[in-house]
Amino acid sequence: MGKRKENSTNMLNEKLITEGCDLTYAVCKIGGRWKLLILCKLEEGKLRFGEIKKLIPNITERMLTLQLRELEKDGLVKRTVYAEVPPRVDYELSPIAKELIPIWSKLSNWGARHKELVSPASL
C-alpha cells in the first residue's frame, strides 16, 4: 500500500464520495481490514507497537505501521515518543476516536446477531 497520487482516479472518486456523504466519510476513515481492529485493541488504553502486534498476530509489521500512520494522520490515534534509550513509543485513542467506542460496540453486537442469522447452522 503506497502513497496515492492526489490526482489519481481513486483519490478523486474518494474525495467526491466522501464530500457528499458523512457516513461514507466516516467509514473510509475506519474501514479496511485492520483499522477498526487496531482501534478496538487501543480501547483499554495505551499500547506499544509490539503489544498491538501480539494482539493482532496476522497483521504484518509493515501493514501495522502503515495503518497506524494513517490513523494518526486522520487524528484517530495519538502517537507519543518518549526521550529514552531505547526509544519508547505509545499509541492511544484520540478523544475523537473514543467517541467511536459505543458505536463499534453496537456494531459488534449487530455482527454477532447477524452471524447467527446467516450461519449455515441456522439455515
C-alpha atoms as a PDB file:
ATOM      1  CA  MET A   1       0.000   0.000   0.000  1.00  0.00           C
ATOM      2  CA  GLY A   2       1.927   3.001  -1.256  1.00  0.00           C
ATOM      3  CA  LYS A   3       1.146   6.672  -1.304  1.00  0.00           C
ATOM      4  CA  ARG A   4      -1.679   7.563  -3.643  1.00  0.00           C
ATOM      5  CA  LYS A   5      -1.326  10.456  -6.008  1.00  0.00           C
ATOM      6  CA  GLU A   6      -3.546  13.440  -5.221  1.00  0.00           C
ATOM      7  CA  ASN A   7      -4.909  13.498  -8.777  1.00  0.00           C
ATOM      8  CA  SER A   8      -5.401   9.747  -9.241  1.00  0.00           C
ATOM      9  CA  THR A   9      -8.829   8.488 -10.244  1.00  0.00           C
ATOM     10  CA  ASN A  10      -9.180   6.633  -6.924  1.00  0.00           C
ATOM     11  CA  MET A  11      -8.346   9.747  -4.906  1.00  0.00           C
ATOM     12  CA  LEU A  12     -10.728  11.915  -6.926  1.00  0.00           C
ATOM     13  CA  ASN A  13     -13.533   9.368  -6.592  1.00  0.00           C
ATOM     14  CA  GLU A  14     -12.947   9.013  -2.854  1.00  0.00           C
ATOM     15  CA  LYS A  15     -12.987  12.779  -2.441  1.00  0.00           C
ATOM     16  CA  LEU A  16     -16.264  13.147  -4.360  1.00  0.00           C
ATOM     17  CA  ILE A  17     -17.946  10.318  -2.473  1.00  0.00           C
ATOM     18  CA  THR A  18     -16.789  11.360   0.998  1.00  0.00           C
ATOM     19  CA  GLU A  19     -17.623  15.027   0.471  1.00  0.00           C
ATOM     20  CA  GLY A  20     -21.194  14.104  -0.382  1.00  0.00           C
ATOM     21  CA  CYS A  21     -21.902  11.672   2.455  1.00  0.00           C
ATOM     22  CA  ASP A  22     -20.749  11.968   6.055  1.00  0.00           C
ATOM     23  CA  LEU A  23     -21.398   8.274   6.709  1.00  0.00           C
ATOM     24  CA  THR A  24     -19.176   7.266   3.786  1.00  0.00           C
ATOM     25  CA  TYR A  25     -16.511   9.684   5.016  1.00  0.00           C
ATOM     26  CA  ALA A  26     -16.583   8.038   8.464  1.00  0.00           C
ATOM     27  CA  VAL A  27     -16.449   4.524   7.043  1.00  0.00           C
ATOM     28  CA  CYS A  28     -13.456   5.497   4.878  1.00  0.00           C
ATOM     29  CA  LYS A  29     -11.588   6.653   7.993  1.00  0.00           C
ATOM     30  CA  ILE A  30     -12.117   3.390   9.910  1.00  0.00           C
ATOM     31  CA  GLY A  31     -12.690   0.969   7.033  1.00  0.00           C
ATOM     32  CA  GLY A  32     -10.461  -1.726   5.677  1.00  0.00           C
ATOM     33  CA  ARG A  33      -9.267  -4.971   7.140  1.00  0.00           C
ATOM     34  CA  TRP A  34      -7.231  -3.627  10.062  1.00  0.00           C
ATOM     35  CA  LYS A  35      -8.127  -0.091  11.183  1.00  0.00           C
ATOM     36  CA  LEU A  36     -11.182  -0.862  13.285  1.00  0.00           C
ATOM     37  CA  LEU A  37      -9.440  -3.849  14.840  1.00  0.00           C
ATOM     38  CA  ILE A  38      -6.446  -1.682  15.796  1.00  0.00           C
ATOM     39  CA  LEU A  39      -8.742   0.970  17.264  1.00  0.00           C
ATOM     40  CA  CYS A  40     -10.622  -1.662  19.285  1.00  0.00           C
ATOM     41  CA  LYS A  41      -7.361  -3.010  20.722  1.00  0.00           C
ATOM     42  CA  LEU A  42      -6.493   0.524  21.900  1.00  0.00           C
ATOM     43  CA  GLU A  43      -9.836   0.871  23.700  1.00  0.00           C
ATOM     44  CA  GLU A  44      -8.363  -0.196  27.054  1.00  0.00           C
ATOM     45  CA  GLY A  45      -5.503   2.304  26.918  1.00  0.00           C
ATOM     46  CA  LYS A  46      -2.005   2.957  25.614  1.00  0.00           C
ATOM     47  CA  LEU A  47      -0.142   0.184  23.845  1.00  0.00           C
ATOM     48  CA  ARG A  48       3.284  -0.123  22.316  1.00  0.00           C
ATOM     49  CA  PHE A  49       3.783  -1.322  18.738  1.00  0.00           C
ATOM     50  CA  GLY A  50       4.860  -4.811  19.833  1.00  0.00           C
ATOM     51  CA  GLU A  51       1.848  -5.145  22.123  1.00  0.00           C
ATOM     52  CA  ILE A  52      -0.537  -4.268  19.298  1.00  0.00           C
ATOM     53  CA  LYS A  53       1.264  -6.749  17.041  1.00  0.00           C
ATOM     54  CA  LYS A  54       0.830  -9.519  19.641  1.00  0.00           C
ATOM     55  CA  LEU A  55      -2.881  -8.740  19.913  1.00  0.00           C
ATOM     56  CA  ILE A  56      -3.273  -8.918  16.113  1.00  0.00           C
ATOM     57  CA  PRO A  57      -0.895 -11.740  15.148  1.00  0.00           C
ATOM     58  CA  ASN A  58      -1.995 -11.992  11.494  1.00  0.00           C
ATOM     59  CA  ILE A  59      -1.061  -8.404  10.608  1.00  0.00           C
ATOM     60  CA  THR A  60       2.412  -7.832   9.210  1.00  0.00           C
ATOM     61  CA  GLU A  61       4.680  -5.261  10.832  1.00  0.00           C
ATOM     62  CA  ARG A  62       4.661  -3.240   7.613  1.00  0.00           C
ATOM     63  CA  MET A  63       0.856  -3.182   7.450  1.00  0.00           C
ATOM     64  CA  LEU A  64       0.572  -2.298  11.133  1.00  0.00           C
ATOM     65  CA  THR A  65       2.994   0.583  10.596  1.00  0.00           C
ATOM     66  CA  LEU A  66       1.041   1.852   7.578  1.00  0.00           C
ATOM     67  CA  GLN A  67      -2.303   1.586   9.324  1.00  0.00           C
ATOM     68  CA  LEU A  68      -1.046   3.336  12.477  1.00  0.00           C
ATOM     69  CA  ARG A  69       0.369   6.152  10.330  1.00  0.00           C
ATOM     70  CA  GLU A  70      -2.977   6.600   8.558  1.00  0.00           C
ATOM     71  CA  LEU A  71      -4.896   6.523  11.835  1.00  0.00           C
ATOM     72  CA  GLU A  72      -2.503   9.096  13.290  1.00  0.00           C
ATOM     73  CA  LYS A  73      -2.768  11.303  10.176  1.00  0.00           C
ATOM     74  CA  ASP A  74      -6.564  11.153  10.425  1.00  0.00           C
ATOM     75  CA  GLY A  75      -6.472  12.166  14.094  1.00  0.00           C
ATOM     76  CA  LEU A  76      -7.798   8.872  15.450  1.00  0.00           C
ATOM     77  CA  VAL A  77      -4.607   7.663  17.140  1.00  0.00           C
ATOM     78  CA  LYS A  78      -2.186   9.682  19.222  1.00  0.00           C
ATOM     79  CA  ARG A  79       1.477   8.625  18.995  1.00  0.00           C
ATOM     80  CA  THR A  80       3.750   9.578  21.874  1.00  0.00           C
ATOM     81  CA  VAL A  81       7.531   9.226  21.583  1.00  0.00           C
ATOM     82  CA  TYR A  82       9.478   9.268  24.846  1.00  0.00           C
ATOM     83  CA  ALA A  83      13.052  10.570  25.001  1.00  0.00           C
ATOM     84  CA  GLU A  84      14.523   7.376  26.388  1.00  0.00           C
ATOM     85  CA  VAL A  85      17.177   4.899  25.343  1.00  0.00           C
ATOM     86  CA  PRO A  86      15.996   2.675  23.811  1.00  0.00           C
ATOM     87  CA  PRO A  87      13.208   4.870  22.425  1.00  0.00           C
ATOM     88  CA  ARG A  88       9.677   4.106  23.604  1.00  0.00           C
ATOM     89  CA  VAL A  89       6.572   4.865  21.544  1.00  0.00           C
ATOM     90  CA  ASP A  90       3.000   4.547  22.790  1.00  0.00           C
ATOM     91  CA  TYR A  91      -0.207   4.603  20.791  1.00  0.00           C
ATOM     92  CA  GLU A  92      -3.594   5.548  22.189  1.00  0.00           C
ATOM     93  CA  LEU A  93      -7.024   6.594  21.001  1.00  0.00           C
ATOM     94  CA  SER A  94      -7.543  10.296  20.447  1.00  0.00           C
ATOM     95  CA  PRO A  95     -10.583  11.935  22.080  1.00  0.00           C
ATOM     96  CA  ILE A  96     -12.496  11.879  18.770  1.00  0.00           C
ATOM     97  CA  ALA A  97     -11.733   8.159  18.352  1.00  0.00           C
ATOM     98  CA  LYS A  98     -13.022   7.443  21.881  1.00  0.00           C
ATOM     99  CA  GLU A  99     -16.404   8.720  20.697  1.00  0.00           C
ATOM    100  CA  LEU A 100     -16.498   5.679  18.391  1.00  0.00           C
ATOM    101  CA  ILE A 101     -16.377   3.123  21.254  1.00  0.00           C
ATOM    102  CA  PRO A 102     -20.161   2.881  21.784  1.00  0.00           C
ATOM    103  CA  ILE A 103     -20.651   2.790  18.021  1.00  0.00           C
ATOM    104  CA  TRP A 104     -18.301  -0.136  17.419  1.00  0.00           C
ATOM    105  CA  SER A 105     -19.752  -1.896  20.475  1.00  0.00           C
ATOM    106  CA  LYS A 106     -23.212  -1.691  18.907  1.00  0.00           C
ATOM    107  CA  LEU A 107     -21.809  -2.749  15.543  1.00  0.00           C
ATOM    108  CA  SER A 108     -20.122  -5.733  17.212  1.00  0.00           C
ATOM    109  CA  ASN A 109     -23.427  -6.759  18.835  1.00  0.00           C
ATOM    110  CA  TRP A 110     -25.162  -6.437  15.473  1.00  0.00           C
ATOM    111  CA  GLY A 111     -22.435  -8.563  13.871  1.00  0.00           C
ATOM    112  CA  ALA A 112     -22.921 -11.321  16.430  1.00  0.00           C
ATOM    113  CA  ARG A 113     -26.689 -11.369  15.812  1.00  0.00           C
ATOM    114  CA  HIS A 114     -26.248 -11.248  12.039  1.00  0.00           C
ATOM    115  CA  LYS A 115     -23.744 -14.123  12.079  1.00  0.00           C
ATOM    116  CA  GLU A 116     -26.290 -16.279  13.918  1.00  0.00           C
ATOM    117  CA  LEU A 117     -28.965 -15.437  11.349  1.00  0.00           C
ATOM    118  CA  VAL A 118     -26.902 -16.237   8.271  1.00  0.00           C
ATOM    119  CA  SER A 119     -24.616 -19.005   9.512  1.00  0.00           C
ATOM    120  CA  PRO A 120     -25.022 -22.373   7.727  1.00  0.00           C
ATOM    121  CA  ALA A 121     -26.061 -23.991  11.025  1.00  0.00           C
ATOM    122  CA  SER A 122     -29.131 -21.752  11.233  1.00  0.00           C
ATOM    123  CA  LEU A 123     -30.273 -22.458   7.637  1.00  0.00           C
END
